[in-house]
PDB file of N, CA and C in Angstrom:
ATOM      1  N   UNK A   1       8.180 -24.085  42.834  1.00  0.00           N
ATOM      2  CA  UNK A   1       7.441 -22.840  42.845  1.00  0.00           C
ATOM      3  C   UNK A   1       8.032 -21.835  41.868  1.00  0.00           C
ATOM      4  N   UNK A   2       9.340 -21.801  41.734  1.00  0.00           N
ATOM      5  CA  UNK A   2       9.962 -20.868  40.817  1.00  0.00           C
ATOM      6  C   UNK A   2       9.618 -21.209  39.374  1.00  0.00           C
ATOM      7  N   UNK A   3       9.572 -22.475  39.050  1.00  0.00           N
ATOM      8  CA  UNK A   3       9.262 -22.897  37.682  1.00  0.00           C
ATOM      9  C   UNK A   3       7.828 -22.517  37.331  1.00  0.00           C
ATOM     10  N   UNK A   4       6.914 -22.708  38.263  1.00  0.00           N
ATOM     11  CA  UNK A   4       5.512 -22.364  38.012  1.00  0.00           C
ATOM     12  C   UNK A   4       5.345 -20.861  37.803  1.00  0.00           C
ATOM     13  N   UNK A   5       6.032 -20.054  38.556  1.00  0.00           N
ATOM     14  CA  UNK A   5       5.902 -18.603  38.408  1.00  0.00           C
ATOM     15  C   UNK A   5       6.542 -18.140  37.092  1.00  0.00           C
ATOM     16  N   UNK A   6       7.639 -18.760  36.693  1.00  0.00           N
ATOM     17  CA  UNK A   6       8.270 -18.409  35.414  1.00  0.00           C
ATOM     18  C   UNK A   6       7.363 -18.806  34.248  1.00  0.00           C
ATOM     19  N   UNK A   7       6.756 -19.976  34.364  1.00  0.00           N
ATOM     20  CA  UNK A   7       5.858 -20.442  33.317  1.00  0.00           C
ATOM     21  C   UNK A   7       4.645 -19.517  33.203  1.00  0.00           C
ATOM     22  N   UNK A   8       4.121 -19.093  34.328  1.00  0.00           N
ATOM     23  CA  UNK A   8       2.986 -18.173  34.328  1.00  0.00           C
ATOM     24  C   UNK A   8       3.378 -16.847  33.692  1.00  0.00           C
ATOM     25  N   UNK A   9       4.557 -16.346  34.019  1.00  0.00           N
ATOM     26  CA  UNK A   9       5.037 -15.096  33.449  1.00  0.00           C
ATOM     27  C   UNK A   9       5.180 -15.201  31.925  1.00  0.00           C
ATOM     28  N   UNK A  10       5.717 -16.299  31.454  1.00  0.00           N
ATOM     29  CA  UNK A  10       5.884 -16.507  30.020  1.00  0.00           C
ATOM     30  C   UNK A  10       4.527 -16.568  29.323  1.00  0.00           C
ATOM     31  N   UNK A  11       3.582 -17.308  29.908  1.00  0.00           N
ATOM     32  CA  UNK A  11       2.256 -17.422  29.301  1.00  0.00           C
ATOM     33  C   UNK A  11       1.523 -16.089  29.258  1.00  0.00           C
ATOM     34  N   UNK A  12       1.635 -15.315  30.320  1.00  0.00           N
ATOM     35  CA  UNK A  12       0.987 -14.001  30.362  1.00  0.00           C
ATOM     36  C   UNK A  12       1.639 -13.074  29.335  1.00  0.00           C
ATOM     37  N   UNK A  13       2.948 -13.143  29.202  1.00  0.00           N
ATOM     38  CA  UNK A  13       3.651 -12.313  28.219  1.00  0.00           C
ATOM     39  C   UNK A  13       3.226 -12.666  26.801  1.00  0.00           C
ATOM     40  N   UNK A  14       3.149 -13.953  26.501  1.00  0.00           N
ATOM     41  CA  UNK A  14       2.720 -14.388  25.174  1.00  0.00           C
ATOM     42  C   UNK A  14       1.273 -13.988  24.886  1.00  0.00           C
ATOM     43  N   UNK A  15       0.417 -14.116  25.890  1.00  0.00           N
ATOM     44  CA  UNK A  15      -0.979 -13.748  25.709  1.00  0.00           C
ATOM     45  C   UNK A  15      -1.124 -12.250  25.439  1.00  0.00           C
ATOM     46  N   UNK A  16      -0.389 -11.432  26.161  1.00  0.00           N
ATOM     47  CA  UNK A  16      -0.485  -9.985  25.955  1.00  0.00           C
ATOM     48  C   UNK A  16       0.111  -9.593  24.612  1.00  0.00           C
ATOM     49  N   UNK A  17       1.184 -10.241  24.193  1.00  0.00           N
ATOM     50  CA  UNK A  17       1.784  -9.954  22.904  1.00  0.00           C
ATOM     51  C   UNK A  17       0.827 -10.318  21.771  1.00  0.00           C
ATOM     52  N   UNK A  18       0.181 -11.453  21.896  1.00  0.00           N
ATOM     53  CA  UNK A  18      -0.779 -11.897  20.890  1.00  0.00           C
ATOM     54  C   UNK A  18      -1.983 -10.962  20.838  1.00  0.00           C
ATOM     55  N   UNK A  19      -2.426 -10.491  21.970  1.00  0.00           N
ATOM     56  CA  UNK A  19      -3.592  -9.613  22.018  1.00  0.00           C
ATOM     57  C   UNK A  19      -3.320  -8.291  21.313  1.00  0.00           C
ATOM     58  N   UNK A  20      -2.093  -7.791  21.392  1.00  0.00           N
ATOM     59  CA  UNK A  20      -1.777  -6.513  20.764  1.00  0.00           C
ATOM     60  C   UNK A  20      -1.465  -6.636  19.284  1.00  0.00           C
ATOM     61  N   UNK A  21      -0.911  -7.745  18.843  1.00  0.00           N
ATOM     62  CA  UNK A  21      -0.524  -7.870  17.442  1.00  0.00           C
ATOM     63  C   UNK A  21      -1.627  -8.432  16.559  1.00  0.00           C
ATOM     64  N   UNK A  22      -2.513  -9.224  17.068  1.00  0.00           N
ATOM     65  CA  UNK A  22      -3.537  -9.864  16.233  1.00  0.00           C
ATOM     66  C   UNK A  22      -4.467  -8.876  15.543  1.00  0.00           C
ATOM     67  N   UNK A  23      -5.032  -7.865  16.224  1.00  0.00           N
ATOM     68  CA  UNK A  23      -5.941  -6.956  15.523  1.00  0.00           C
ATOM     69  C   UNK A  23      -5.257  -6.165  14.406  1.00  0.00           C
ATOM     70  N   UNK A  24      -4.041  -5.734  14.618  1.00  0.00           N
ATOM     71  CA  UNK A  24      -3.350  -4.953  13.600  1.00  0.00           C
ATOM     72  C   UNK A  24      -3.067  -5.792  12.369  1.00  0.00           C
ATOM     73  N   UNK A  25      -2.635  -7.034  12.564  1.00  0.00           N
ATOM     74  CA  UNK A  25      -2.326  -7.863  11.414  1.00  0.00           C
ATOM     75  C   UNK A  25      -3.602  -8.277  10.683  1.00  0.00           C
ATOM     76  N   UNK A  26      -4.672  -8.510  11.398  1.00  0.00           N
ATOM     77  CA  UNK A  26      -5.929  -8.880  10.748  1.00  0.00           C
ATOM     78  C   UNK A  26      -6.453  -7.719   9.907  1.00  0.00           C
ATOM     79  N   UNK A  27      -6.335  -6.497  10.405  1.00  0.00           N
ATOM     80  CA  UNK A  27      -6.786  -5.332   9.656  1.00  0.00           C
ATOM     81  C   UNK A  27      -5.929  -5.138   8.417  1.00  0.00           C
ATOM     82  N   UNK A  28      -4.615  -5.344   8.543  1.00  0.00           N
ATOM     83  CA  UNK A  28      -3.721  -5.199   7.401  1.00  0.00           C
ATOM     84  C   UNK A  28      -4.013  -6.212   6.318  1.00  0.00           C
ATOM     85  N   UNK A  29      -4.301  -7.445   6.689  1.00  0.00           N
ATOM     86  CA  UNK A  29      -4.619  -8.480   5.718  1.00  0.00           C
ATOM     87  C   UNK A  29      -5.921  -8.131   5.010  1.00  0.00           C
ATOM     88  N   UNK A  30      -6.907  -7.689   5.747  1.00  0.00           N
ATOM     89  CA  UNK A  30      -8.197  -7.351   5.147  1.00  0.00           C
ATOM     90  C   UNK A  30      -8.047  -6.187   4.171  1.00  0.00           C
ATOM     91  N   UNK A  31      -7.265  -5.191   4.572  1.00  0.00           N
ATOM     92  CA  UNK A  31      -7.120  -4.010   3.732  1.00  0.00           C
ATOM     93  C   UNK A  31      -6.516  -4.359   2.379  1.00  0.00           C
ATOM     94  N   UNK A  32      -5.542  -5.267   2.350  1.00  0.00           N
ATOM     95  CA  UNK A  32      -4.918  -5.614   1.082  1.00  0.00           C
ATOM     96  C   UNK A  32      -5.833  -6.482   0.229  1.00  0.00           C
ATOM     97  N   UNK A  33      -6.818  -7.112   0.825  1.00  0.00           N
ATOM     98  CA  UNK A  33      -7.739  -7.948   0.062  1.00  0.00           C
ATOM     99  C   UNK A  33      -8.971  -7.190  -0.391  1.00  0.00           C
ATOM    100  N   UNK A  34      -9.128  -5.945   0.023  1.00  0.00           N
ATOM    101  CA  UNK A  34     -10.293  -5.178  -0.392  1.00  0.00           C
ATOM    102  C   UNK A  34     -10.163  -4.897  -1.886  1.00  0.00           C
ATOM    103  N   UNK A  35     -11.181  -5.205  -2.665  1.00  0.00           N
ATOM    104  CA  UNK A  35     -11.066  -5.140  -4.128  1.00  0.00           C
ATOM    105  C   UNK A  35     -10.667  -3.773  -4.685  1.00  0.00           C
ATOM    106  N   UNK A  36     -11.256  -2.698  -4.194  1.00  0.00           N
ATOM    107  CA  UNK A  36     -10.916  -1.383  -4.748  1.00  0.00           C
ATOM    108  C   UNK A  36      -9.479  -1.008  -4.442  1.00  0.00           C
ATOM    109  N   UNK A  37      -9.056  -1.232  -3.203  1.00  0.00           N
ATOM    110  CA  UNK A  37      -7.687  -0.879  -2.851  1.00  0.00           C
ATOM    111  C   UNK A  37      -6.695  -1.786  -3.569  1.00  0.00           C
ATOM    112  N   UNK A  38      -7.029  -3.056  -3.692  1.00  0.00           N
ATOM    113  CA  UNK A  38      -6.146  -3.981  -4.390  1.00  0.00           C
ATOM    114  C   UNK A  38      -5.949  -3.551  -5.846  1.00  0.00           C
ATOM    115  N   UNK A  39      -7.037  -3.124  -6.499  1.00  0.00           N
ATOM    116  CA  UNK A  39      -6.938  -2.693  -7.889  1.00  0.00           C
ATOM    117  C   UNK A  39      -6.040  -1.469  -8.026  1.00  0.00           C
ATOM    118  N   UNK A  40      -6.235  -0.490  -7.170  1.00  0.00           N
ATOM    119  CA  UNK A  40      -5.437   0.733  -7.248  1.00  0.00           C
ATOM    120  C   UNK A  40      -3.966   0.426  -6.993  1.00  0.00           C
ATOM    121  N   UNK A  41      -3.675  -0.364  -5.961  1.00  0.00           N
ATOM    122  CA  UNK A  41      -2.282  -0.669  -5.660  1.00  0.00           C
ATOM    123  C   UNK A  41      -1.642  -1.517  -6.757  1.00  0.00           C
ATOM    124  N   UNK A  42      -2.419  -2.401  -7.382  1.00  0.00           N
ATOM    125  CA  UNK A  42      -1.887  -3.201  -8.487  1.00  0.00           C
ATOM    126  C   UNK A  42      -1.562  -2.301  -9.684  1.00  0.00           C
ATOM    127  N   UNK A  43      -2.456  -1.386 -10.019  1.00  0.00           N
ATOM    128  CA  UNK A  43      -2.194  -0.449 -11.118  1.00  0.00           C
ATOM    129  C   UNK A  43      -0.993   0.428 -10.803  1.00  0.00           C
ATOM    130  N   UNK A  44      -0.883   0.839  -9.550  1.00  0.00           N
ATOM    131  CA  UNK A  44       0.231   1.669  -9.111  1.00  0.00           C
ATOM    132  C   UNK A  44       1.552   0.926  -9.298  1.00  0.00           C
ATOM    133  N   UNK A  45       1.584  -0.330  -8.890  1.00  0.00           N
ATOM    134  CA  UNK A  45       2.794  -1.145  -9.035  1.00  0.00           C
ATOM    135  C   UNK A  45       3.116  -1.360 -10.515  1.00  0.00           C
ATOM    136  N   UNK A  46       2.099  -1.613 -11.317  1.00  0.00           N
ATOM    137  CA  UNK A  46       2.293  -1.829 -12.749  1.00  0.00           C
ATOM    138  C   UNK A  46       2.827  -0.557 -13.412  1.00  0.00           C
ATOM    139  N   UNK A  47       2.368   0.588 -12.934  1.00  0.00           N
ATOM    140  CA  UNK A  47       2.848   1.861 -13.472  1.00  0.00           C
ATOM    141  C   UNK A  47       4.342   2.031 -13.191  1.00  0.00           C
ATOM    142  N   UNK A  48       4.792   1.665 -12.021  1.00  0.00           N
ATOM    143  CA  UNK A  48       6.223   1.732 -11.720  1.00  0.00           C
ATOM    144  C   UNK A  48       7.017   0.867 -12.689  1.00  0.00           C
ATOM    145  N   UNK A  49       6.477  -0.290 -13.015  1.00  0.00           N
ATOM    146  CA  UNK A  49       7.128  -1.186 -13.965  1.00  0.00           C
ATOM    147  C   UNK A  49       7.208  -0.538 -15.353  1.00  0.00           C
ATOM    148  N   UNK A  50       6.126   0.099 -15.800  1.00  0.00           N
ATOM    149  CA  UNK A  50       6.126   0.775 -17.103  1.00  0.00           C
ATOM    150  C   UNK A  50       7.134   1.919 -17.134  1.00  0.00           C
ATOM    151  N   UNK A  51       7.259   2.642 -16.022  1.00  0.00           N
ATOM    152  CA  UNK A  51       8.221   3.738 -15.957  1.00  0.00           C
ATOM    153  C   UNK A  51       9.637   3.186 -16.111  1.00  0.00           C
ATOM    154  N   UNK A  52       9.921   2.095 -15.431  1.00  0.00           N
ATOM    155  CA  UNK A  52      11.260   1.492 -15.516  1.00  0.00           C
ATOM    156  C   UNK A  52      11.560   1.032 -16.943  1.00  0.00           C
ATOM    157  N   UNK A  53      10.590   0.436 -17.596  1.00  0.00           N
ATOM    158  CA  UNK A  53      10.800  -0.030 -18.975  1.00  0.00           C
ATOM    159  C   UNK A  53      11.004   1.155 -19.920  1.00  0.00           C
ATOM    160  N   UNK A  54      10.185   2.193 -19.780  1.00  0.00           N
ATOM    161  CA  UNK A  54      10.323   3.374 -20.634  1.00  0.00           C
ATOM    162  C   UNK A  54      11.687   4.023 -20.435  1.00  0.00           C
ATOM    163  N   UNK A  55      12.151   4.073 -19.216  1.00  0.00           N
ATOM    164  CA  UNK A  55      13.468   4.651 -18.928  1.00  0.00           C
ATOM    165  C   UNK A  55      14.574   3.789 -19.531  1.00  0.00           C
ATOM    166  N   UNK A  56      14.437   2.479 -19.401  1.00  0.00           N
ATOM    167  CA  UNK A  56      15.443   1.550 -19.921  1.00  0.00           C
ATOM    168  C   UNK A  56      15.554   1.645 -21.446  1.00  0.00           C
ATOM    169  N   UNK A  57      14.432   1.858 -22.124  1.00  0.00           N
ATOM    170  CA  UNK A  57      14.425   1.945 -23.582  1.00  0.00           C
ATOM    171  C   UNK A  57      14.704   3.362 -24.085  1.00  0.00           C
ATOM    172  N   UNK A  58      14.928   4.297 -23.185  1.00  0.00           N
ATOM    173  CA  UNK A  58      15.257   5.657 -23.574  1.00  0.00           C
ATOM    174  C   UNK A  58      14.070   6.485 -24.034  1.00  0.00           C
ATOM    175  N   UNK A  59      12.867   6.025 -23.730  1.00  0.00           N
ATOM    176  CA  UNK A  59      11.671   6.763 -24.149  1.00  0.00           C
ATOM    177  C   UNK A  59      11.426   7.991 -23.285  1.00  0.00           C
ATOM    178  N   UNK A  60      11.921   7.963 -22.058  1.00  0.00           N
ATOM    179  CA  UNK A  60      11.818   9.110 -21.160  1.00  0.00           C
ATOM    180  C   UNK A  60      13.191   9.348 -20.527  1.00  0.00           C
ATOM    181  N   UNK A  61      13.422  10.568 -20.090  1.00  0.00           N
ATOM    182  CA  UNK A  61      14.699  10.900 -19.466  1.00  0.00           C
ATOM    183  C   UNK A  61      14.696  10.506 -17.990  1.00  0.00           C
ATOM    184  N   UNK A  62      15.863  10.604 -17.382  1.00  0.00           N
ATOM    185  CA  UNK A  62      15.971  10.284 -15.959  1.00  0.00           C
ATOM    186  C   UNK A  62      15.108  11.231 -15.119  1.00  0.00           C
ATOM    187  N   UNK A  63      15.102  12.497 -15.476  1.00  0.00           N
ATOM    188  CA  UNK A  63      14.292  13.468 -14.744  1.00  0.00           C
ATOM    189  C   UNK A  63      12.795  13.199 -14.883  1.00  0.00           C
ATOM    190  N   UNK A  64      12.379  12.819 -16.088  1.00  0.00           N
ATOM    191  CA  UNK A  64      10.974  12.485 -16.297  1.00  0.00           C
ATOM    192  C   UNK A  64      10.586  11.245 -15.486  1.00  0.00           C
ATOM    193  N   UNK A  65      11.477  10.247 -15.474  1.00  0.00           N
ATOM    194  CA  UNK A  65      11.202   9.031 -14.697  1.00  0.00           C
ATOM    195  C   UNK A  65      11.108   9.358 -13.212  1.00  0.00           C
ATOM    196  N   UNK A  66      11.984  10.220 -12.740  1.00  0.00           N
ATOM    197  CA  UNK A  66      11.954  10.608 -11.324  1.00  0.00           C
ATOM    198  C   UNK A  66      10.648  11.318 -10.991  1.00  0.00           C
ATOM    199  N   UNK A  67      10.217  12.221 -11.869  1.00  0.00           N
ATOM    200  CA  UNK A  67       8.964  12.953 -11.635  1.00  0.00           C
ATOM    201  C   UNK A  67       7.768  12.003 -11.655  1.00  0.00           C
ATOM    202  N   UNK A  68       7.766  11.043 -12.592  1.00  0.00           N
ATOM    203  CA  UNK A  68       6.664  10.088 -12.659  1.00  0.00           C
ATOM    204  C   UNK A  68       6.630   9.173 -11.440  1.00  0.00           C
ATOM    205  N   UNK A  69       7.800   8.747 -10.980  1.00  0.00           N
ATOM    206  CA  UNK A  69       7.841   7.922  -9.763  1.00  0.00           C
ATOM    207  C   UNK A  69       7.365   8.711  -8.552  1.00  0.00           C
ATOM    208  N   UNK A  70       7.691   9.997  -8.527  1.00  0.00           N
ATOM    209  CA  UNK A  70       7.230  10.857  -7.429  1.00  0.00           C
ATOM    210  C   UNK A  70       5.699  10.947  -7.445  1.00  0.00           C
ATOM    211  N   UNK A  71       5.109  11.131  -8.629  1.00  0.00           N
ATOM    212  CA  UNK A  71       3.648  11.162  -8.739  1.00  0.00           C
ATOM    213  C   UNK A  71       3.041   9.824  -8.332  1.00  0.00           C
ATOM    214  N   UNK A  72       3.716   8.750  -8.706  1.00  0.00           N
ATOM    215  CA  UNK A  72       3.243   7.411  -8.373  1.00  0.00           C
ATOM    216  C   UNK A  72       3.245   7.187  -6.863  1.00  0.00           C
ATOM    217  N   UNK A  73       4.310   7.621  -6.206  1.00  0.00           N
ATOM    218  CA  UNK A  73       4.369   7.507  -4.738  1.00  0.00           C
ATOM    219  C   UNK A  73       3.280   8.348  -4.087  1.00  0.00           C
ATOM    220  N   UNK A  74       2.991   9.504  -4.673  1.00  0.00           N
ATOM    221  CA  UNK A  74       1.934  10.360  -4.119  1.00  0.00           C
ATOM    222  C   UNK A  74       0.581   9.659  -4.193  1.00  0.00           C
ATOM    223  N   UNK A  75       0.322   8.949  -5.289  1.00  0.00           N
ATOM    224  CA  UNK A  75      -0.935   8.206  -5.425  1.00  0.00           C
ATOM    225  C   UNK A  75      -0.997   7.106  -4.368  1.00  0.00           C
ATOM    226  N   UNK A  76       0.106   6.374  -4.184  1.00  0.00           N
ATOM    227  CA  UNK A  76       0.132   5.297  -3.183  1.00  0.00           C
ATOM    228  C   UNK A  76      -0.069   5.854  -1.779  1.00  0.00           C
ATOM    229  N   UNK A  77       0.537   6.999  -1.487  1.00  0.00           N
ATOM    230  CA  UNK A  77       0.377   7.600  -0.165  1.00  0.00           C
ATOM    231  C   UNK A  77      -1.065   8.064   0.051  1.00  0.00           C
ATOM    232  N   UNK A  78      -1.691   8.604  -0.997  1.00  0.00           N
ATOM    233  CA  UNK A  78      -3.101   8.988  -0.889  1.00  0.00           C
ATOM    234  C   UNK A  78      -3.977   7.773  -0.620  1.00  0.00           C
ATOM    235  N   UNK A  79      -3.673   6.680  -1.316  1.00  0.00           N
ATOM    236  CA  UNK A  79      -4.434   5.446  -1.120  1.00  0.00           C
ATOM    237  C   UNK A  79      -4.328   4.967   0.323  1.00  0.00           C
ATOM    238  N   UNK A  80      -3.120   4.960   0.847  1.00  0.00           N
ATOM    239  CA  UNK A  80      -2.927   4.500   2.227  1.00  0.00           C
ATOM    240  C   UNK A  80      -3.604   5.434   3.229  1.00  0.00           C
ATOM    241  N   UNK A  81      -3.541   6.730   2.983  1.00  0.00           N
ATOM    242  CA  UNK A  81      -4.189   7.682   3.891  1.00  0.00           C
ATOM    243  C   UNK A  81      -5.710   7.517   3.845  1.00  0.00           C
ATOM    244  N   UNK A  82      -6.247   7.344   2.637  1.00  0.00           N
ATOM    245  CA  UNK A  82      -7.693   7.135   2.507  1.00  0.00           C
ATOM    246  C   UNK A  82      -8.120   5.844   3.191  1.00  0.00           C
ATOM    247  N   UNK A  83      -7.325   4.791   3.030  1.00  0.00           N
ATOM    248  CA  UNK A  83      -7.655   3.506   3.652  1.00  0.00           C
ATOM    249  C   UNK A  83      -7.612   3.611   5.182  1.00  0.00           C
ATOM    250  N   UNK A  84      -6.622   4.331   5.702  1.00  0.00           N
ATOM    251  CA  UNK A  84      -6.550   4.506   7.165  1.00  0.00           C
ATOM    252  C   UNK A  84      -7.773   5.263   7.677  1.00  0.00           C
ATOM    253  N   UNK A  85      -8.235   6.216   6.905  1.00  0.00           N
ATOM    254  CA  UNK A  85      -9.384   7.014   7.334  1.00  0.00           C
ATOM    255  C   UNK A  85     -10.687   6.225   7.307  1.00  0.00           C
ATOM    256  N   UNK A  86     -10.744   5.147   6.523  1.00  0.00           N
ATOM    257  CA  UNK A  86     -11.976   4.373   6.379  1.00  0.00           C
ATOM    258  C   UNK A  86     -11.807   2.929   6.809  1.00  0.00           C
ATOM    259  N   UNK A  87     -11.002   2.692   7.817  1.00  0.00           N
ATOM    260  CA  UNK A  87     -10.841   1.367   8.423  1.00  0.00           C
ATOM    261  C   UNK A  87     -10.394   0.289   7.434  1.00  0.00           C
ATOM    262  N   UNK A  88      -9.424   0.622   6.602  1.00  0.00           N
ATOM    263  CA  UNK A  88      -8.817  -0.383   5.750  1.00  0.00           C
ATOM    264  C   UNK A  88      -9.359  -0.499   4.347  1.00  0.00           C
ATOM    265  N   UNK A  89     -10.193   0.416   3.907  1.00  0.00           N
ATOM    266  CA  UNK A  89     -10.648   0.371   2.515  1.00  0.00           C
ATOM    267  C   UNK A  89     -10.799   1.781   1.994  1.00  0.00           C
ATOM    268  N   UNK A  90     -10.951   1.896   0.691  1.00  0.00           N
ATOM    269  CA  UNK A  90     -11.174   3.208   0.088  1.00  0.00           C
ATOM    270  C   UNK A  90     -12.597   3.245  -0.468  1.00  0.00           C
ATOM    271  N   UNK A  91     -13.167   4.422  -0.486  1.00  0.00           N
ATOM    272  CA  UNK A  91     -14.535   4.581  -0.985  1.00  0.00           C
ATOM    273  C   UNK A  91     -14.530   4.572  -2.519  1.00  0.00           C
ATOM    274  N   UNK A  92     -15.711   4.475  -3.109  1.00  0.00           N
ATOM    275  CA  UNK A  92     -15.795   4.480  -4.576  1.00  0.00           C
ATOM    276  C   UNK A  92     -15.299   5.797  -5.160  1.00  0.00           C
ATOM    277  N   UNK A  93     -15.625   6.890  -4.509  1.00  0.00           N
ATOM    278  CA  UNK A  93     -15.176   8.191  -4.987  1.00  0.00           C
ATOM    279  C   UNK A  93     -13.650   8.270  -4.964  1.00  0.00           C
ATOM    280  N   UNK A  94     -13.029   7.820  -3.867  1.00  0.00           N
ATOM    281  CA  UNK A  94     -11.560   7.811  -3.779  1.00  0.00           C
ATOM    282  C   UNK A  94     -10.968   6.876  -4.830  1.00  0.00           C
ATOM    283  N   UNK A  95     -11.628   5.742  -5.042  1.00  0.00           N
ATOM    284  CA  UNK A  95     -11.181   4.774  -6.044  1.00  0.00           C
ATOM    285  C   UNK A  95     -11.156   5.414  -7.430  1.00  0.00           C
ATOM    286  N   UNK A  96     -12.212   6.111  -7.800  1.00  0.00           N
ATOM    287  CA  UNK A  96     -12.277   6.769  -9.106  1.00  0.00           C
ATOM    288  C   UNK A  96     -11.238   7.882  -9.222  1.00  0.00           C
ATOM    289  N   UNK A  97     -11.058   8.647  -8.149  1.00  0.00           N
ATOM    290  CA  UNK A  97     -10.085   9.743  -8.169  1.00  0.00           C
ATOM    291  C   UNK A  97      -8.671   9.204  -8.355  1.00  0.00           C
ATOM    292  N   UNK A  98      -8.318   8.155  -7.610  1.00  0.00           N
ATOM    293  CA  UNK A  98      -6.972   7.579  -7.712  1.00  0.00           C
ATOM    294  C   UNK A  98      -6.751   6.954  -9.086  1.00  0.00           C
ATOM    295  N   UNK A  99      -7.761   6.278  -9.622  1.00  0.00           N
ATOM    296  CA  UNK A  99      -7.619   5.689 -10.946  1.00  0.00           C
ATOM    297  C   UNK A  99      -7.458   6.761 -12.020  1.00  0.00           C
ATOM    298  N   UNK A 100      -8.156   7.876 -11.889  1.00  0.00           N
ATOM    299  CA  UNK A 100      -7.995   8.945 -12.885  1.00  0.00           C
ATOM    300  C   UNK A 100      -6.597   9.545 -12.805  1.00  0.00           C
ATOM    301  N   UNK A 101      -6.037   9.645 -11.607  1.00  0.00           N
ATOM    302  CA  UNK A 101      -4.655  10.120 -11.467  1.00  0.00           C
ATOM    303  C   UNK A 101      -3.679   9.152 -12.132  1.00  0.00           C
ATOM    304  N   UNK A 102      -3.916   7.853 -11.950  1.00  0.00           N
ATOM    305  CA  UNK A 102      -3.044   6.860 -12.575  1.00  0.00           C
ATOM    306  C   UNK A 102      -3.178   6.883 -14.098  1.00  0.00           C
ATOM    307  N   UNK A 103      -4.390   7.103 -14.615  1.00  0.00           N
ATOM    308  CA  UNK A 103      -4.579   7.202 -16.061  1.00  0.00           C
ATOM    309  C   UNK A 103      -3.822   8.400 -16.628  1.00  0.00           C
ATOM    310  N   UNK A 104      -3.894   9.530 -15.943  1.00  0.00           N
ATOM    311  CA  UNK A 104      -3.172  10.716 -16.390  1.00  0.00           C
ATOM    312  C   UNK A 104      -1.669  10.472 -16.388  1.00  0.00           C
ATOM    313  N   UNK A 105      -1.201   9.792 -15.363  1.00  0.00           N
ATOM    314  CA  UNK A 105       0.230   9.471 -15.275  1.00  0.00           C
ATOM    315  C   UNK A 105       0.634   8.524 -16.401  1.00  0.00           C
ATOM    316  N   UNK A 106      -0.238   7.579 -16.726  1.00  0.00           N
ATOM    317  CA  UNK A 106       0.072   6.636 -17.799  1.00  0.00           C
ATOM    318  C   UNK A 106       0.179   7.358 -19.144  1.00  0.00           C
ATOM    319  N   UNK A 107      -0.709   8.317 -19.370  1.00  0.00           N
ATOM    320  CA  UNK A 107      -0.640   9.101 -20.602  1.00  0.00           C
ATOM    321  C   UNK A 107       0.676   9.866 -20.684  1.00  0.00           C
ATOM    322  N   UNK A 108       1.146  10.361 -19.539  1.00  0.00           N
ATOM    323  CA  UNK A 108       2.415  11.083 -19.512  1.00  0.00           C
ATOM    324  C   UNK A 108       3.586  10.148 -19.809  1.00  0.00           C
ATOM    325  N   UNK A 109       3.485   8.899 -19.392  1.00  0.00           N
ATOM    326  CA  UNK A 109       4.544   7.911 -19.641  1.00  0.00           C
ATOM    327  C   UNK A 109       4.622   7.592 -21.136  1.00  0.00           C
ATOM    328  N   UNK A 110       3.472   7.511 -21.778  1.00  0.00           N
ATOM    329  CA  UNK A 110       3.453   7.159 -23.196  1.00  0.00           C
ATOM    330  C   UNK A 110       4.041   8.246 -24.079  1.00  0.00           C
ATOM    331  N   UNK A 111       4.025   9.454 -23.571  1.00  0.00           N
ATOM    332  CA  UNK A 111       4.723  10.389 -24.385  1.00  0.00           C
ATOM    333  C   UNK A 111       4.184  11.696 -24.651  1.00  0.00           C
TER     334      UNK A 111
END
């Protein structure tokens, strides 16, 4: 009888754990596969790479690199906030706004 009750407790615990974690992980996977958000986050990541290269080659100062990374993080945070507000995706208007911010940042990186 003790073994059966322990087994039942374990199964109920696993079932409840699965019930709480599955929806969150499914939403997270979907959000990263959404084309507009994926494009913005990819450009954002690529921009960080360009900042690092420009800093390494001495094209920008440490302070400029810090300011550009700060702007880059702000774009990523806006993207995540917009996605949370719209169930894991960003709207076309938000997509255009974020891309224009990244374009402006890229122009600043070039010089």
